[in-house]
Amino acid sequence: MLSVTEAAGRLLSFDNVLILTHVRPDGDTVGCAGALCAALRNAGKTAYLLPNPGLTDTTAPFFAPYAAPEGFLPESVVSTDIATTGLLPDNAKAYAQRIDLAIDHHASFEHFARENIVRPQAAACGELMYDILSAMGQVTPEIARLLYLAISTDTGCYAYANTTAYTHAVTAALMETGIDVAPINKVFFRTKTRRRIQLESAMIAGCEFYDRDRVAILSVPMELMERIGATETDAEDLSALGGQIEGVDCAVTMRELRSGVWKLSLRTGPRVNATRVCARLGGGGHPAAAGCTVEAPRSEVKNLILQAIAAETADFQR
């Protein structure tokens, strides 16, 4: 496992770098990848991000300035905020066996690269990336803006339990570069489309409660998305909704990606370890935020996740 100083040195030794982001990219993977790309370019390197087909209207503008042109052939490959090669988009799978450096913060990280650096206690991969880029002497306002995107989105604008004193210290250092964070906060945390509000309304109306109302299961079938006309942008971070219900300390959001294939996202309090629950179904993540994908009818998927929660929660009551 590399140290921060060693990771910075490795990055400065690379050139013609391709940076990978994960499937259904969020602000953390996009912000980290963009910041790293900008830092490498500032150091005189050629660097790009591999285009990601899952970008939304909110993340795409941060990604666009760094996207690789068609036909770019990398000498080095780096992944950001990716715990397992199973989270690579289809167009990135060809690089799964040739990733030179993986930078991540998930407890379920699988050490798949030639060299790896992981910090499971970090609230966002952006915290670790900040330390690495600081060691490279590269935290410009451009980079700080991208790292703010990474950290703020992975902490729910600093509302989630993963937020630490160090999270705030890093954010303060980023803001001291003079960046304007208000536009990011407005787009990601204070704006909802009408379709998004319709989605949330339908999810709450159909919410099911278990374990003395401490476990909530919210569903987003394809039919609902189609009926409302919702886009990927409208569906961004829907997993945060269930945890806002009073009394709920384990919120499960089931989203149908394609017919009979469900992406499960768990957001939990200390009573339920989301990583261990999702690991039972082939997934992973953090103790309070994890996910997995299951192919089965909705009723079967619901039963499987409830069984997994019960197996990992001592006081679960049916």
C-alpha atoms as a PDB file:
ATOM      1  CA  MET A   1       0.000   0.000   0.000  1.00  0.00           C
ATOM      2  CA  LEU A   2       1.418   3.367  -1.006  1.00  0.00           C
ATOM      3  CA  SER A   3       1.740   6.370   1.265  1.00  0.00           C
ATOM      4  CA  VAL A   4       0.522   9.799   0.161  1.00  0.00           C
ATOM      5  CA  THR A   5       4.071  10.876  -0.665  1.00  0.00           C
ATOM      6  CA  GLU A   6       4.691   7.704  -2.657  1.00  0.00           C
ATOM      7  CA  ALA A   7       1.422   8.076  -4.558  1.00  0.00           C
ATOM      8  CA  ALA A   8       2.305  11.665  -5.450  1.00  0.00           C
ATOM      9  CA  GLY A   9       5.698  10.520  -6.701  1.00  0.00           C
ATOM     10  CA  ARG A  10       4.190   7.773  -8.822  1.00  0.00           C
ATOM     11  CA  LEU A  11       1.746  10.189 -10.412  1.00  0.00           C
ATOM     12  CA  LEU A  12       4.530  12.632 -11.254  1.00  0.00           C
ATOM     13  CA  SER A  13       6.421   9.787 -12.951  1.00  0.00           C
ATOM     14  CA  PHE A  14       3.465   8.993 -15.237  1.00  0.00           C
ATOM     15  CA  ASP A  15       2.645  10.521 -18.605  1.00  0.00           C
ATOM     16  CA  ASN A  16      -0.095  10.035 -21.186  1.00  0.00           C
ATOM     17  CA  VAL A  17      -2.450   9.198 -18.332  1.00  0.00           C
ATOM     18  CA  LEU A  18      -6.013   7.928 -18.633  1.00  0.00           C
ATOM     19  CA  ILE A  19      -8.182   8.376 -15.534  1.00  0.00           C
ATOM     20  CA  LEU A  20     -11.177   6.117 -14.889  1.00  0.00           C
ATOM     21  CA  THR A  21     -14.416   6.923 -13.046  1.00  0.00           C
ATOM     22  CA  HIS A  22     -17.054   4.485 -11.834  1.00  0.00           C
ATOM     23  CA  VAL A  23     -20.380   3.470 -13.328  1.00  0.00           C
ATOM     24  CA  ARG A  24     -23.229   5.930 -12.553  1.00  0.00           C
ATOM     25  CA  PRO A  25     -20.618   8.557 -11.682  1.00  0.00           C
ATOM     26  CA  ASP A  26     -21.211  10.793  -8.681  1.00  0.00           C
ATOM     27  CA  GLY A  27     -19.546  14.029  -7.656  1.00  0.00           C
ATOM     28  CA  ASP A  28     -16.753  12.269  -5.762  1.00  0.00           C
ATOM     29  CA  THR A  29     -15.441  10.183  -8.649  1.00  0.00           C
ATOM     30  CA  VAL A  30     -15.890  13.040 -11.154  1.00  0.00           C
ATOM     31  CA  GLY A  31     -14.374  15.657  -8.848  1.00  0.00           C
ATOM     32  CA  CYS A  32     -11.378  13.498  -7.958  1.00  0.00           C
ATOM     33  CA  ALA A  33     -10.732  12.493 -11.562  1.00  0.00           C
ATOM     34  CA  GLY A  34     -11.022  16.051 -12.842  1.00  0.00           C
ATOM     35  CA  ALA A  35      -8.792  17.430 -10.085  1.00  0.00           C
ATOM     36  CA  LEU A  36      -6.148  14.791 -10.741  1.00  0.00           C
ATOM     37  CA  CYS A  37      -6.283  15.437 -14.468  1.00  0.00           C
ATOM     38  CA  ALA A  38      -5.860  19.186 -13.950  1.00  0.00           C
ATOM     39  CA  ALA A  39      -2.940  18.607 -11.565  1.00  0.00           C
ATOM     40  CA  LEU A  40      -1.156  16.319 -14.017  1.00  0.00           C
ATOM     41  CA  ARG A  41      -1.626  18.826 -16.827  1.00  0.00           C
ATOM     42  CA  ASN A  42      -0.247  21.591 -14.605  1.00  0.00           C
ATOM     43  CA  ALA A  43       2.788  19.358 -14.033  1.00  0.00           C
ATOM     44  CA  GLY A  44       3.363  19.178 -17.803  1.00  0.00           C
ATOM     45  CA  LYS A  45       1.775  15.768 -18.339  1.00  0.00           C
ATOM     46  CA  THR A  46      -0.760  14.662 -20.922  1.00  0.00           C
ATOM     47  CA  ALA A  47      -3.849  13.436 -19.087  1.00  0.00           C
ATOM     48  CA  TYR A  48      -7.505  12.751 -19.849  1.00  0.00           C
ATOM     49  CA  LEU A  49     -10.603  11.184 -18.336  1.00  0.00           C
ATOM     50  CA  LEU A  50     -12.137   8.209 -20.119  1.00  0.00           C
ATOM     51  CA  PRO A  51     -15.627   9.333 -21.260  1.00  0.00           C
ATOM     52  CA  ASN A  52     -18.345   7.966 -18.996  1.00  0.00           C
ATOM     53  CA  PRO A  53     -21.781   7.279 -20.512  1.00  0.00           C
ATOM     54  CA  GLY A  54     -23.489   7.615 -17.124  1.00  0.00           C
ATOM     55  CA  LEU A  55     -22.852  11.326 -16.620  1.00  0.00           C
ATOM     56  CA  THR A  56     -25.832  13.452 -15.651  1.00  0.00           C
ATOM     57  CA  ASP A  57     -26.619  17.062 -16.523  1.00  0.00           C
ATOM     58  CA  THR A  58     -25.139  18.121 -13.170  1.00  0.00           C
ATOM     59  CA  THR A  59     -21.854  16.187 -13.333  1.00  0.00           C
ATOM     60  CA  ALA A  60     -21.166  16.465 -17.087  1.00  0.00           C
ATOM     61  CA  PRO A  61     -19.997  20.132 -17.027  1.00  0.00           C
ATOM     62  CA  PHE A  62     -17.288  19.275 -14.479  1.00  0.00           C
ATOM     63  CA  PHE A  63     -16.140  16.313 -16.575  1.00  0.00           C
ATOM     64  CA  ALA A  64     -16.196  17.828 -20.073  1.00  0.00           C
ATOM     65  CA  PRO A  65     -12.940  19.869 -20.023  1.00  0.00           C
ATOM     66  CA  TYR A  66     -10.928  16.723 -19.288  1.00  0.00           C
ATOM     67  CA  ALA A  67     -12.592  14.105 -21.518  1.00  0.00           C
ATOM     68  CA  ALA A  68     -10.250  12.028 -23.687  1.00  0.00           C
ATOM     69  CA  PRO A  69     -10.448  12.403 -27.451  1.00  0.00           C
ATOM     70  CA  GLU A  70     -11.339   9.347 -29.486  1.00  0.00           C
ATOM     71  CA  GLY A  71      -8.299   7.177 -30.144  1.00  0.00           C
ATOM     72  CA  PHE A  72      -6.206   8.350 -27.166  1.00  0.00           C
ATOM     73  CA  LEU A  73      -3.761   5.584 -26.201  1.00  0.00           C
ATOM     74  CA  PRO A  74      -2.585   5.819 -22.577  1.00  0.00           C
ATOM     75  CA  GLU A  75       0.747   4.793 -21.144  1.00  0.00           C
ATOM     76  CA  SER A  76      -0.587   4.842 -17.574  1.00  0.00           C
ATOM     77  CA  VAL A  77      -4.073   4.231 -16.140  1.00  0.00           C
ATOM     78  CA  VAL A  78      -5.386   5.541 -12.811  1.00  0.00           C
ATOM     79  CA  SER A  79      -8.763   4.925 -11.157  1.00  0.00           C
ATOM     80  CA  THR A  80     -10.465   7.276  -8.692  1.00  0.00           C
ATOM     81  CA  ASP A  81     -13.142   6.368  -6.116  1.00  0.00           C
ATOM     82  CA  ILE A  82     -13.539   2.832  -7.504  1.00  0.00           C
ATOM     83  CA  ALA A  83     -13.651  -0.009  -4.962  1.00  0.00           C
ATOM     84  CA  THR A  84     -13.775  -2.900  -7.421  1.00  0.00           C
ATOM     85  CA  THR A  85     -13.337  -3.432 -11.152  1.00  0.00           C
ATOM     86  CA  GLY A  86     -16.967  -4.539 -11.183  1.00  0.00           C
ATOM     87  CA  LEU A  87     -17.827  -0.813 -10.943  1.00  0.00           C
ATOM     88  CA  LEU A  88     -16.065   0.075 -14.187  1.00  0.00           C
ATOM     89  CA  PRO A  89     -18.323   1.285 -17.004  1.00  0.00           C
ATOM     90  CA  ASP A  90     -18.442  -0.996 -20.046  1.00  0.00           C
ATOM     91  CA  ASN A  91     -16.006   1.160 -22.016  1.00  0.00           C
ATOM     92  CA  ALA A  92     -13.483   0.952 -19.148  1.00  0.00           C
ATOM     93  CA  LYS A  93     -13.498  -2.821 -18.719  1.00  0.00           C
ATOM     94  CA  ALA A  94     -10.688  -3.214 -21.243  1.00  0.00           C
ATOM     95  CA  TYR A  95      -8.417  -1.437 -18.736  1.00  0.00           C
ATOM     96  CA  ALA A  96      -9.384  -3.578 -15.721  1.00  0.00           C
ATOM     97  CA  GLN A  97      -6.139  -5.565 -15.770  1.00  0.00           C
ATOM     98  CA  ARG A  98      -3.816  -2.656 -16.510  1.00  0.00           C
ATOM     99  CA  ILE A  99      -4.645  -0.055 -13.846  1.00  0.00           C
ATOM    100  CA  ASP A 100      -1.337   1.279 -12.550  1.00  0.00           C
ATOM    101  CA  LEU A 101      -2.675   3.162  -9.525  1.00  0.00           C
ATOM    102  CA  ALA A 102      -6.041   2.986  -7.725  1.00  0.00           C
ATOM    103  CA  ILE A 103      -7.019   5.802  -5.352  1.00  0.00           C
ATOM    104  CA  ASP A 104     -10.021   5.029  -3.138  1.00  0.00           C
ATOM    105  CA  HIS A 105     -11.692   5.367   0.273  1.00  0.00           C
ATOM    106  CA  HIS A 106     -14.042   2.374   0.527  1.00  0.00           C
ATOM    107  CA  ALA A 107     -13.671  -0.257   3.252  1.00  0.00           C
ATOM    108  CA  SER A 108     -14.562  -2.853   0.608  1.00  0.00           C
ATOM    109  CA  PHE A 109     -11.702  -1.769  -1.704  1.00  0.00           C
ATOM    110  CA  GLU A 110     -10.281  -4.810  -3.498  1.00  0.00           C
ATOM    111  CA  HIS A 111      -6.650  -3.747  -4.193  1.00  0.00           C
ATOM    112  CA  PHE A 112      -6.976  -4.543  -7.897  1.00  0.00           C
ATOM    113  CA  ALA A 113      -4.356  -2.172  -9.313  1.00  0.00           C
ATOM    114  CA  ARG A 114      -0.613  -2.637  -9.710  1.00  0.00           C
ATOM    115  CA  GLU A 115      -0.266  -0.151  -6.823  1.00  0.00           C
ATOM    116  CA  ASN A 116      -2.975   1.106  -4.489  1.00  0.00           C
ATOM    117  CA  ILE A 117      -3.731   3.775  -1.929  1.00  0.00           C
ATOM    118  CA  VAL A 118      -6.908   3.671   0.155  1.00  0.00           C
ATOM    119  CA  ARG A 119      -8.174   5.587   3.196  1.00  0.00           C
ATOM    120  CA  PRO A 120     -11.388   3.979   4.488  1.00  0.00           C
ATOM    121  CA  GLN A 121     -11.818   6.559   7.243  1.00  0.00           C
ATOM    122  CA  ALA A 122     -12.051   9.405   4.722  1.00  0.00           C
ATOM    123  CA  ALA A 123     -15.526  10.863   4.237  1.00  0.00           C
ATOM    124  CA  ALA A 124     -14.818  11.198   0.515  1.00  0.00           C
ATOM    125  CA  CYS A 125     -12.099  10.124  -1.856  1.00  0.00           C
ATOM    126  CA  GLY A 126     -11.672  13.864  -2.357  1.00  0.00           C
ATOM    127  CA  GLU A 127     -10.036  14.128   1.078  1.00  0.00           C
ATOM    128  CA  LEU A 128      -7.343  11.643   0.111  1.00  0.00           C
ATOM    129  CA  MET A 129      -6.968  13.250  -3.310  1.00  0.00           C
ATOM    130  CA  TYR A 130      -6.449  16.625  -1.619  1.00  0.00           C
ATOM    131  CA  ASP A 131      -3.530  15.234   0.372  1.00  0.00           C
ATOM    132  CA  ILE A 132      -1.984  13.619  -2.713  1.00  0.00           C
ATOM    133  CA  LEU A 133      -2.318  16.740  -4.864  1.00  0.00           C
ATOM    134  CA  SER A 134      -0.985  18.898  -2.012  1.00  0.00           C
ATOM    135  CA  ALA A 135       2.094  16.648  -1.941  1.00  0.00           C
ATOM    136  CA  MET A 136       2.420  17.266  -5.688  1.00  0.00           C
ATOM    137  CA  GLY A 137       2.221  21.018  -5.050  1.00  0.00           C
ATOM    138  CA  GLN A 138      -1.011  21.238  -7.029  1.00  0.00           C
ATOM    139  CA  VAL A 139      -4.057  22.778  -5.351  1.00  0.00           C
ATOM    140  CA  THR A 140      -5.078  25.638  -7.623  1.00  0.00           C
ATOM    141  CA  PRO A 141      -8.556  27.211  -7.553  1.00  0.00           C
ATOM    142  CA  GLU A 142      -9.504  25.004 -10.530  1.00  0.00           C
ATOM    143  CA  ILE A 143      -8.510  21.906  -8.580  1.00  0.00           C
ATOM    144  CA  ALA A 144     -10.046  23.178  -5.338  1.00  0.00           C
ATOM    145  CA  ARG A 145     -13.423  23.638  -7.048  1.00  0.00           C
ATOM    146  CA  LEU A 146     -13.383  20.036  -8.251  1.00  0.00           C
ATOM    147  CA  LEU A 147     -12.345  18.702  -4.858  1.00  0.00           C
ATOM    148  CA  TYR A 148     -15.108  20.708  -3.202  1.00  0.00           C
ATOM    149  CA  LEU A 149     -17.532  18.990  -5.568  1.00  0.00           C
ATOM    150  CA  ALA A 150     -16.087  15.615  -4.535  1.00  0.00           C
ATOM    151  CA  ILE A 151     -16.247  16.175  -0.793  1.00  0.00           C
ATOM    152  CA  SER A 152     -19.511  18.082  -0.565  1.00  0.00           C
ATOM    153  CA  THR A 153     -21.471  15.537  -2.595  1.00  0.00           C
ATOM    154  CA  ASP A 154     -20.124  12.503  -0.730  1.00  0.00           C
ATOM    155  CA  THR A 155     -21.025  14.073   2.622  1.00  0.00           C
ATOM    156  CA  GLY A 156     -24.471  15.365   1.637  1.00  0.00           C
ATOM    157  CA  CYS A 157     -23.157  18.917   1.953  1.00  0.00           C
ATOM    158  CA  TYR A 158     -21.566  17.924   5.295  1.00  0.00           C
ATOM    159  CA  ALA A 159     -24.787  16.522   6.768  1.00  0.00           C
ATOM    160  CA  TYR A 160     -23.865  12.811   6.720  1.00  0.00           C
ATOM    161  CA  ALA A 161     -22.309  11.001   9.681  1.00  0.00           C
ATOM    162  CA  ASN A 162     -19.112  10.326   7.696  1.00  0.00           C
ATOM    163  CA  THR A 163     -18.177  14.021   8.000  1.00  0.00           C
ATOM    164  CA  THR A 164     -15.205  14.597  10.319  1.00  0.00           C
ATOM    165  CA  ALA A 165     -13.186  17.506  11.620  1.00  0.00           C
ATOM    166  CA  TYR A 166     -10.628  16.748   8.914  1.00  0.00           C
ATOM    167  CA  THR A 167     -13.370  16.962   6.278  1.00  0.00           C
ATOM    168  CA  HIS A 168     -14.079  20.515   7.398  1.00  0.00           C
ATOM    169  CA  ALA A 169     -10.371  21.354   7.608  1.00  0.00           C
ATOM    170  CA  VAL A 170      -9.794  20.247   4.017  1.00  0.00           C
ATOM    171  CA  THR A 171     -12.879  22.134   2.843  1.00  0.00           C
ATOM    172  CA  ALA A 172     -11.675  25.279   4.611  1.00  0.00           C
ATOM    173  CA  ALA A 173      -8.334  24.974   2.821  1.00  0.00           C
ATOM    174  CA  LEU A 174     -10.120  24.579  -0.502  1.00  0.00           C
ATOM    175  CA  MET A 175     -12.287  27.630   0.119  1.00  0.00           C
ATOM    176  CA  GLU A 176      -9.243  29.673   1.065  1.00  0.00           C
ATOM    177  CA  THR A 177      -8.140  29.436  -2.581  1.00  0.00           C
ATOM    178  CA  GLY A 178     -10.990  31.822  -3.366  1.00  0.00           C
ATOM    179  CA  ILE A 179     -13.427  29.452  -5.057  1.00  0.00           C
ATOM    180  CA  ASP A 180     -17.144  30.265  -5.160  1.00  0.00           C
ATOM    181  CA  VAL A 181     -18.953  27.250  -3.727  1.00  0.00           C
ATOM    182  CA  ALA A 182     -22.449  28.730  -3.886  1.00  0.00           C
ATOM    183  CA  PRO A 183     -23.176  27.557  -7.469  1.00  0.00           C
ATOM    184  CA  ILE A 184     -22.228  23.957  -6.587  1.00  0.00           C
ATOM    185  CA  ASN A 185     -24.365  24.034  -3.455  1.00  0.00           C
ATOM    186  CA  LYS A 186     -27.300  25.468  -5.383  1.00  0.00           C
ATOM    187  CA  VAL A 187     -27.189  22.876  -8.197  1.00  0.00           C
ATOM    188  CA  PHE A 188     -26.525  19.787  -6.090  1.00  0.00           C
ATOM    189  CA  PHE A 189     -28.316  20.515  -2.818  1.00  0.00           C
ATOM    190  CA  ARG A 190     -30.920  23.235  -3.278  1.00  0.00           C
ATOM    191  CA  THR A 191     -32.496  22.551  -6.678  1.00  0.00           C
ATOM    192  CA  LYS A 192     -34.991  19.837  -7.703  1.00  0.00           C
ATOM    193  CA  THR A 193     -36.781  19.419 -11.003  1.00  0.00           C
ATOM    194  CA  ARG A 194     -40.517  18.901 -10.999  1.00  0.00           C
ATOM    195  CA  ARG A 195     -39.907  15.343 -12.186  1.00  0.00           C
ATOM    196  CA  ARG A 196     -37.608  14.772  -9.211  1.00  0.00           C
ATOM    197  CA  ILE A 197     -40.306  15.937  -6.816  1.00  0.00           C
ATOM    198  CA  GLN A 198     -42.795  13.588  -8.514  1.00  0.00           C
ATOM    199  CA  LEU A 199     -40.320  10.715  -8.105  1.00  0.00           C
ATOM    200  CA  GLU A 200     -39.836  11.434  -4.422  1.00  0.00           C
ATOM    201  CA  SER A 201     -43.585  11.722  -3.891  1.00  0.00           C
ATOM    202  CA  ALA A 202     -44.204   8.330  -5.513  1.00  0.00           C
ATOM    203  CA  MET A 203     -41.369   6.722  -3.544  1.00  0.00           C
ATOM    204  CA  ILE A 204     -42.697   7.987  -0.221  1.00  0.00           C
ATOM    205  CA  ALA A 205     -46.251   6.981  -1.094  1.00  0.00           C
ATOM    206  CA  GLY A 206     -45.099   3.414  -1.797  1.00  0.00           C
ATOM    207  CA  CYS A 207     -42.583   3.159   1.042  1.00  0.00           C
ATOM    208  CA  GLU A 208     -42.702  -0.058   3.092  1.00  0.00           C
ATOM    209  CA  PHE A 209     -41.581  -0.283   6.705  1.00  0.00           C
ATOM    210  CA  TYR A 210     -40.104  -3.214   8.635  1.00  0.00           C
ATOM    211  CA  ASP A 211     -38.252  -3.920  11.886  1.00  0.00           C
ATOM    212  CA  ARG A 212     -40.552  -1.778  14.053  1.00  0.00           C
ATOM    213  CA  ASP A 213     -40.481   0.942  11.353  1.00  0.00           C
ATOM    214  CA  ARG A 214     -36.701   1.316  11.591  1.00  0.00           C
ATOM    215  CA  VAL A 215     -36.108  -0.166   8.117  1.00  0.00           C
ATOM    216  CA  ALA A 216     -37.668   1.562   5.115  1.00  0.00           C
ATOM    217  CA  ILE A 217     -37.701   0.186   1.566  1.00  0.00           C
ATOM    218  CA  LEU A 218     -38.351   2.614  -1.267  1.00  0.00           C
ATOM    219  CA  SER A 219     -38.701   1.444  -4.859  1.00  0.00           C
ATOM    220  CA  VAL A 220     -38.011   3.075  -8.209  1.00  0.00           C
ATOM    221  CA  PRO A 221     -39.217   0.673 -10.909  1.00  0.00           C
ATOM    222  CA  MET A 222     -38.519   1.437 -14.567  1.00  0.00           C
ATOM    223  CA  GLU A 223     -42.239   1.948 -15.093  1.00  0.00           C
ATOM    224  CA  LEU A 224     -42.211   4.864 -12.637  1.00  0.00           C
ATOM    225  CA  MET A 225     -39.260   6.545 -14.360  1.00  0.00           C
ATOM    226  CA  GLU A 226     -40.943   6.143 -17.746  1.00  0.00           C
ATOM    227  CA  ARG A 227     -44.345   7.349 -16.567  1.00  0.00           C
ATOM    228  CA  ILE A 228     -42.914  10.518 -15.076  1.00  0.00           C
ATOM    229  CA  GLY A 229     -40.434  11.007 -17.920  1.00  0.00           C
ATOM    230  CA  ALA A 230     -37.579  11.174 -15.411  1.00  0.00           C
ATOM    231  CA  THR A 231     -33.934  11.267 -16.515  1.00  0.00           C
ATOM    232  CA  GLU A 232     -30.743  10.148 -14.795  1.00  0.00           C
ATOM    233  CA  THR A 233     -30.320  13.712 -13.572  1.00  0.00           C
ATOM    234  CA  ASP A 234     -33.742  13.551 -11.895  1.00  0.00           C
ATOM    235  CA  ALA A 235     -32.765  10.259 -10.210  1.00  0.00           C
ATOM    236  CA  GLU A 236     -29.428  11.440  -8.843  1.00  0.00           C
ATOM    237  CA  ASP A 237     -28.843  10.560  -5.163  1.00  0.00           C
ATOM    238  CA  LEU A 238     -32.359   9.232  -4.568  1.00  0.00           C
ATOM    239  CA  SER A 239     -30.830   7.004  -1.893  1.00  0.00           C
ATOM    240  CA  ALA A 240     -30.679   9.976   0.478  1.00  0.00           C
ATOM    241  CA  LEU A 241     -34.463  10.245   0.691  1.00  0.00           C
ATOM    242  CA  GLY A 242     -35.333   7.309   2.966  1.00  0.00           C
ATOM    243  CA  GLY A 243     -32.922   8.304   5.704  1.00  0.00           C
ATOM    244  CA  GLN A 244     -34.842  11.555   6.187  1.00  0.00           C
ATOM    245  CA  ILE A 245     -37.911   9.693   7.499  1.00  0.00           C
ATOM    246  CA  GLU A 246     -38.239  10.030  11.268  1.00  0.00           C
ATOM    247  CA  GLY A 247     -37.372   6.821  13.096  1.00  0.00           C
ATOM    248  CA  VAL A 248     -35.669   5.165  10.117  1.00  0.00           C
ATOM    249  CA  ASP A 249     -32.048   4.128  10.634  1.00  0.00           C
ATOM    250  CA  CYS A 250     -31.773   1.779   7.643  1.00  0.00           C
ATOM    251  CA  ALA A 251     -33.102   3.068   4.333  1.00  0.00           C
ATOM    252  CA  VAL A 252     -33.030   0.795   1.285  1.00  0.00           C
ATOM    253  CA  THR A 253     -33.577   2.329  -2.142  1.00  0.00           C
ATOM    254  CA  MET A 254     -34.312  -0.256  -4.841  1.00  0.00           C
ATOM    255  CA  ARG A 255     -33.901   1.090  -8.365  1.00  0.00           C
ATOM    256  CA  GLU A 256     -34.655  -1.056 -11.411  1.00  0.00           C
ATOM    257  CA  LEU A 257     -31.827  -0.520 -13.904  1.00  0.00           C
ATOM    258  CA  ARG A 258     -33.295  -2.825 -16.534  1.00  0.00           C
ATOM    259  CA  SER A 259     -36.015  -5.447 -16.485  1.00  0.00           C
ATOM    260  CA  GLY A 260     -35.504  -7.573 -13.348  1.00  0.00           C
ATOM    261  CA  VAL A 261     -32.144  -6.005 -12.407  1.00  0.00           C
ATOM    262  CA  TRP A 262     -32.231  -3.915  -9.233  1.00  0.00           C
ATOM    263  CA  LYS A 263     -29.579  -1.601  -7.811  1.00  0.00           C
ATOM    264  CA  LEU A 264     -29.881  -1.471  -4.022  1.00  0.00           C
ATOM    265  CA  SER A 265     -28.489   1.474  -2.072  1.00  0.00           C
ATOM    266  CA  LEU A 266     -28.377   1.392   1.734  1.00  0.00           C
ATOM    267  CA  ARG A 267     -28.018   4.392   4.027  1.00  0.00           C
ATOM    268  CA  THR A 268     -27.779   3.395   7.675  1.00  0.00           C
ATOM    269  CA  GLY A 269     -27.073   4.497  11.220  1.00  0.00           C
ATOM    270  CA  PRO A 270     -24.646   2.735  13.576  1.00  0.00           C
ATOM    271  CA  ARG A 271     -27.120  -0.074  14.361  1.00  0.00           C
ATOM    272  CA  VAL A 272     -26.844  -1.538  10.843  1.00  0.00           C
ATOM    273  CA  ASN A 273     -23.532  -2.041   9.006  1.00  0.00           C
ATOM    274  CA  ALA A 274     -24.377  -1.336   5.374  1.00  0.00           C
ATOM    275  CA  THR A 275     -21.122  -2.827   4.067  1.00  0.00           C
ATOM    276  CA  ARG A 276     -21.690  -6.187   5.710  1.00  0.00           C
ATOM    277  CA  VAL A 277     -25.316  -6.287   4.630  1.00  0.00           C
ATOM    278  CA  CYS A 278     -24.483  -5.563   0.983  1.00  0.00           C
ATOM    279  CA  ALA A 279     -21.517  -7.943   1.032  1.00  0.00           C
ATOM    280  CA  ARG A 280     -23.996 -10.774   1.558  1.00  0.00           C
ATOM    281  CA  LEU A 281     -25.416  -9.918  -1.869  1.00  0.00           C
ATOM    282  CA  GLY A 282     -22.115  -9.356  -3.630  1.00  0.00           C
ATOM    283  CA  GLY A 283     -21.783  -5.619  -3.010  1.00  0.00           C
ATOM    284  CA  GLY A 284     -19.873  -3.319  -0.702  1.00  0.00           C
ATOM    285  CA  GLY A 285     -19.152   0.258   0.294  1.00  0.00           C
ATOM    286  CA  HIS A 286     -18.991   2.014   3.661  1.00  0.00           C
ATOM    287  CA  PRO A 287     -20.471   1.079   7.049  1.00  0.00           C
ATOM    288  CA  ALA A 288     -23.178   3.747   6.628  1.00  0.00           C
ATOM    289  CA  ALA A 289     -23.517   3.770   2.826  1.00  0.00           C
ATOM    290  CA  ALA A 290     -23.221   0.740   0.587  1.00  0.00           C
ATOM    291  CA  GLY A 291     -24.821  -0.918  -2.391  1.00  0.00           C
ATOM    292  CA  CYS A 292     -25.267  -4.062  -4.454  1.00  0.00           C
ATOM    293  CA  THR A 293     -26.999  -5.210  -7.624  1.00  0.00           C
ATOM    294  CA  VAL A 294     -29.402  -8.161  -7.670  1.00  0.00           C
ATOM    295  CA  GLU A 295     -31.122  -9.787 -10.635  1.00  0.00           C
ATOM    296  CA  ALA A 296     -34.498 -11.168  -9.547  1.00  0.00           C
ATOM    297  CA  PRO A 297     -38.168 -10.156  -9.320  1.00  0.00           C
ATOM    298  CA  ARG A 298     -38.819  -7.214  -7.010  1.00  0.00           C
ATOM    299  CA  SER A 299     -40.488  -9.294  -4.288  1.00  0.00           C
ATOM    300  CA  GLU A 300     -37.539 -11.685  -4.177  1.00  0.00           C
ATOM    301  CA  VAL A 301     -35.010  -8.852  -4.079  1.00  0.00           C
ATOM    302  CA  LYS A 302     -36.907  -7.254  -1.198  1.00  0.00           C
ATOM    303  CA  ASN A 303     -36.883 -10.516   0.743  1.00  0.00           C
ATOM    304  CA  LEU A 304     -33.167 -11.023   0.091  1.00  0.00           C
ATOM    305  CA  ILE A 305     -32.192  -7.607   1.394  1.00  0.00           C
ATOM    306  CA  LEU A 306     -34.427  -7.970   4.452  1.00  0.00           C
ATOM    307  CA  GLN A 307     -32.835 -11.349   5.200  1.00  0.00           C
ATOM    308  CA  ALA A 308     -29.377  -9.799   4.860  1.00  0.00           C
ATOM    309  CA  ILE A 309     -30.274  -6.926   7.183  1.00  0.00           C
ATOM    310  CA  ALA A 310     -31.735  -9.353   9.744  1.00  0.00           C
ATOM    311  CA  ALA A 311     -28.617 -11.544   9.603  1.00  0.00           C
ATOM    312  CA  GLU A 312     -26.333  -8.571  10.321  1.00  0.00           C
ATOM    313  CA  THR A 313     -28.519  -6.779  12.888  1.00  0.00           C
ATOM    314  CA  ALA A 314     -28.784  -8.326  16.337  1.00  0.00           C
ATOM    315  CA  ASP A 315     -32.059  -6.694  17.361  1.00  0.00           C
ATOM    316  CA  PHE A 316     -33.891  -6.927  14.025  1.00  0.00           C
ATOM    317  CA  GLN A 317     -37.559  -7.751  14.538  1.00  0.00           C
ATOM    318  CA  ARG A 318     -39.792  -9.061  11.786  1.00  0.00           C
END
